[in-house]
Amino acid sequence: MNIQLEMIEDKIEFFEAQQLNTLEKKINEQIEVNKALMLGVHSVSHQMHLDSDGKPYYTAVVHFKLKK
């Protein structure tokens, strides 16, 4: 049995929430998790949409990259 370990160099994660502070909390928690994998935030993209009831709905995409 041959086991190979490779470093994760890129990771993209998607987040969604009904409130902006909840979205920020989710992202910050995942940043801490990814620090253990030696991944740092490379870029963040976010959007706000209104649902059918007129309430805001927040989404974000965070691109993590290996810290060098």
N, C-alpha and C. Protein backbone atom coordinates (compact mmCIF):
# COMPACT_ATOMS: atom_id res chain seq x y z
N MET A 1 0.84 -1.17 0.00
CA MET A 1 0.00 0.00 0.00
C MET A 1 0.89 1.24 0.00
N ASN A 2 0.67 2.13 -0.95
CA ASN A 2 1.46 3.33 -1.10
C ASN A 2 0.60 4.55 -0.76
N ILE A 3 1.01 5.30 0.25
CA ILE A 3 0.27 6.49 0.65
C ILE A 3 1.08 7.72 0.28
N GLN A 4 0.44 8.63 -0.44
CA GLN A 4 1.09 9.88 -0.82
C GLN A 4 0.35 11.04 -0.17
N LEU A 5 1.08 11.91 0.46
CA LEU A 5 0.51 13.11 1.05
C LEU A 5 0.89 14.31 0.19
N GLU A 6 -0.10 15.10 -0.15
CA GLU A 6 0.14 16.29 -0.95
C GLU A 6 -0.48 17.49 -0.26
N MET A 7 0.17 18.62 -0.40
CA MET A 7 -0.34 19.86 0.16
C MET A 7 -1.49 20.37 -0.71
N ILE A 8 -2.52 20.89 -0.07
CA ILE A 8 -3.59 21.56 -0.79
C ILE A 8 -3.08 22.96 -1.12
N GLU A 9 -3.08 23.31 -2.40
CA GLU A 9 -2.55 24.61 -2.81
C GLU A 9 -3.66 25.64 -3.02
N ASP A 10 -4.81 25.20 -3.48
CA ASP A 10 -5.94 26.09 -3.72
C ASP A 10 -7.20 25.44 -3.18
N LYS A 11 -8.07 26.27 -2.63
CA LYS A 11 -9.35 25.78 -2.11
C LYS A 11 -10.35 26.92 -2.23
N ILE A 12 -11.50 26.63 -2.81
CA ILE A 12 -12.55 27.63 -2.96
C ILE A 12 -13.76 27.17 -2.16
N GLU A 13 -14.29 28.06 -1.32
CA GLU A 13 -15.43 27.71 -0.48
C GLU A 13 -16.54 28.73 -0.69
N PHE A 14 -17.77 28.24 -0.58
CA PHE A 14 -18.96 29.07 -0.78
C PHE A 14 -19.72 29.18 0.53
N PHE A 15 -20.24 30.37 0.80
CA PHE A 15 -20.96 30.64 2.03
C PHE A 15 -22.26 31.37 1.71
N GLU A 16 -23.27 31.16 2.57
CA GLU A 16 -24.54 31.86 2.41
C GLU A 16 -25.17 32.08 3.77
N ALA A 17 -25.95 33.17 3.90
CA ALA A 17 -26.61 33.47 5.16
C ALA A 17 -27.71 34.51 4.92
N GLN A 18 -28.63 34.56 5.87
CA GLN A 18 -29.72 35.54 5.81
C GLN A 18 -29.29 36.90 6.36
N GLN A 19 -28.24 36.91 7.19
CA GLN A 19 -27.76 38.15 7.78
C GLN A 19 -26.26 38.30 7.51
N LEU A 20 -25.84 39.53 7.33
CA LEU A 20 -24.45 39.80 6.99
C LEU A 20 -23.50 39.38 8.12
N ASN A 21 -23.88 39.63 9.38
CA ASN A 21 -22.99 39.26 10.48
C ASN A 21 -22.85 37.75 10.61
N THR A 22 -23.87 37.00 10.26
CA THR A 22 -23.80 35.54 10.26
C THR A 22 -22.85 35.05 9.18
N LEU A 23 -22.93 35.66 8.01
CA LEU A 23 -22.02 35.31 6.91
C LEU A 23 -20.57 35.59 7.30
N GLU A 24 -20.34 36.74 7.92
CA GLU A 24 -18.99 37.09 8.35
C GLU A 24 -18.47 36.09 9.39
N LYS A 25 -19.33 35.68 10.30
CA LYS A 25 -18.93 34.71 11.32
C LYS A 25 -18.55 33.36 10.69
N LYS A 26 -19.34 32.89 9.72
CA LYS A 26 -19.05 31.63 9.03
C LYS A 26 -17.69 31.70 8.32
N ILE A 27 -17.44 32.82 7.65
CA ILE A 27 -16.18 32.97 6.92
C ILE A 27 -15.00 33.00 7.89
N ASN A 28 -15.13 33.75 8.97
CA ASN A 28 -14.04 33.84 9.95
C ASN A 28 -13.74 32.49 10.60
N GLU A 29 -14.77 31.70 10.87
CA GLU A 29 -14.56 30.36 11.43
C GLU A 29 -13.78 29.49 10.46
N GLN A 30 -14.11 29.58 9.18
CA GLN A 30 -13.42 28.75 8.18
C GLN A 30 -12.00 29.24 7.94
N ILE A 31 -11.76 30.52 8.08
CA ILE A 31 -10.39 31.04 7.97
C ILE A 31 -9.52 30.41 9.04
N GLU A 32 -10.03 30.29 10.25
CA GLU A 32 -9.27 29.67 11.34
C GLU A 32 -9.00 28.19 11.06
N VAL A 33 -9.99 27.49 10.52
CA VAL A 33 -9.81 26.07 10.17
C VAL A 33 -8.73 25.92 9.10
N ASN A 34 -8.76 26.79 8.10
CA ASN A 34 -7.82 26.68 6.98
C ASN A 34 -6.40 27.11 7.35
N LYS A 35 -6.26 27.86 8.43
CA LYS A 35 -4.91 28.21 8.90
C LYS A 35 -4.14 26.95 9.27
N ALA A 36 -4.84 25.94 9.78
CA ALA A 36 -4.19 24.67 10.14
C ALA A 36 -3.66 23.97 8.89
N LEU A 37 -4.26 24.24 7.75
CA LEU A 37 -3.81 23.65 6.48
C LEU A 37 -2.81 24.56 5.77
N MET A 38 -2.40 25.64 6.47
CA MET A 38 -1.47 26.63 5.93
C MET A 38 -2.04 27.34 4.70
N LEU A 39 -3.36 27.56 4.73
CA LEU A 39 -4.02 28.28 3.65
C LEU A 39 -4.41 29.66 4.13
N GLY A 40 -4.16 30.66 3.31
CA GLY A 40 -4.56 32.02 3.62
C GLY A 40 -5.57 32.51 2.59
N VAL A 41 -6.27 33.57 2.92
CA VAL A 41 -7.27 34.13 2.01
C VAL A 41 -6.56 34.83 0.86
N HIS A 42 -6.92 34.43 -0.34
CA HIS A 42 -6.37 35.06 -1.55
C HIS A 42 -7.33 36.13 -2.07
N SER A 43 -8.63 35.79 -2.09
CA SER A 43 -9.62 36.76 -2.54
C SER A 43 -11.00 36.40 -1.98
N VAL A 44 -11.85 37.42 -1.93
CA VAL A 44 -13.23 37.26 -1.45
C VAL A 44 -14.15 37.97 -2.42
N SER A 45 -15.22 37.31 -2.80
CA SER A 45 -16.24 37.91 -3.64
C SER A 45 -17.58 37.72 -2.95
N HIS A 46 -18.39 38.76 -2.89
CA HIS A 46 -19.66 38.64 -2.18
C HIS A 46 -20.77 39.36 -2.94
N GLN A 47 -21.99 38.91 -2.67
CA GLN A 47 -23.15 39.52 -3.30
C GLN A 47 -24.31 39.52 -2.33
N MET A 48 -25.26 40.42 -2.59
CA MET A 48 -26.49 40.47 -1.82
C MET A 48 -27.65 40.42 -2.80
N HIS A 49 -28.60 39.56 -2.50
CA HIS A 49 -29.79 39.44 -3.33
C HIS A 49 -31.01 39.65 -2.44
N LEU A 50 -32.12 40.01 -3.04
CA LEU A 50 -33.38 40.08 -2.31
C LEU A 50 -34.19 38.84 -2.67
N ASP A 51 -34.69 38.14 -1.64
CA ASP A 51 -35.52 36.96 -1.92
C ASP A 51 -36.92 37.41 -2.30
N SER A 52 -37.83 36.46 -2.49
CA SER A 52 -39.19 36.78 -2.95
C SER A 52 -39.97 37.61 -1.94
N ASP A 53 -39.56 37.59 -0.68
CA ASP A 53 -40.23 38.38 0.36
C ASP A 53 -39.57 39.76 0.53
N GLY A 54 -38.55 40.05 -0.25
CA GLY A 54 -37.86 41.32 -0.16
C GLY A 54 -36.79 41.36 0.92
N LYS A 55 -36.47 40.22 1.51
CA LYS A 55 -35.44 40.15 2.55
C LYS A 55 -34.08 39.91 1.89
N PRO A 56 -33.04 40.51 2.46
CA PRO A 56 -31.70 40.31 1.87
C PRO A 56 -31.18 38.89 2.10
N TYR A 57 -30.42 38.41 1.13
CA TYR A 57 -29.78 37.09 1.19
C TYR A 57 -28.34 37.28 0.73
N TYR A 58 -27.39 36.94 1.59
CA TYR A 58 -25.98 37.21 1.33
C TYR A 58 -25.24 35.93 0.94
N THR A 59 -24.36 36.05 -0.05
CA THR A 59 -23.52 34.94 -0.47
C THR A 59 -22.08 35.45 -0.61
N ALA A 60 -21.13 34.51 -0.45
CA ALA A 60 -19.73 34.86 -0.62
C ALA A 60 -18.96 33.67 -1.13
N VAL A 61 -17.92 33.96 -1.89
CA VAL A 61 -16.97 32.95 -2.37
C VAL A 61 -15.60 33.38 -1.87
N VAL A 62 -14.92 32.47 -1.16
CA VAL A 62 -13.60 32.77 -0.63
C VAL A 62 -12.59 31.82 -1.26
N HIS A 63 -11.54 32.39 -1.85
CA HIS A 63 -10.48 31.61 -2.48
C HIS A 63 -9.30 31.59 -1.50
N PHE A 64 -8.96 30.38 -1.04
CA PHE A 64 -7.83 30.19 -0.15
C PHE A 64 -6.65 29.67 -0.96
N LYS A 65 -5.43 30.15 -0.64
CA LYS A 65 -4.22 29.68 -1.30
C LYS A 65 -3.18 29.35 -0.27
N LEU A 66 -2.30 28.43 -0.65
CA LEU A 66 -1.21 28.00 0.21
C LEU A 66 -0.30 29.19 0.51
N LYS A 67 0.01 29.39 1.80
CA LYS A 67 0.94 30.45 2.19
C LYS A 67 2.36 30.00 1.87
N LYS A 68 3.12 30.87 1.24
CA LYS A 68 4.50 30.51 0.86
C LYS A 68 5.48 31.36 1.62
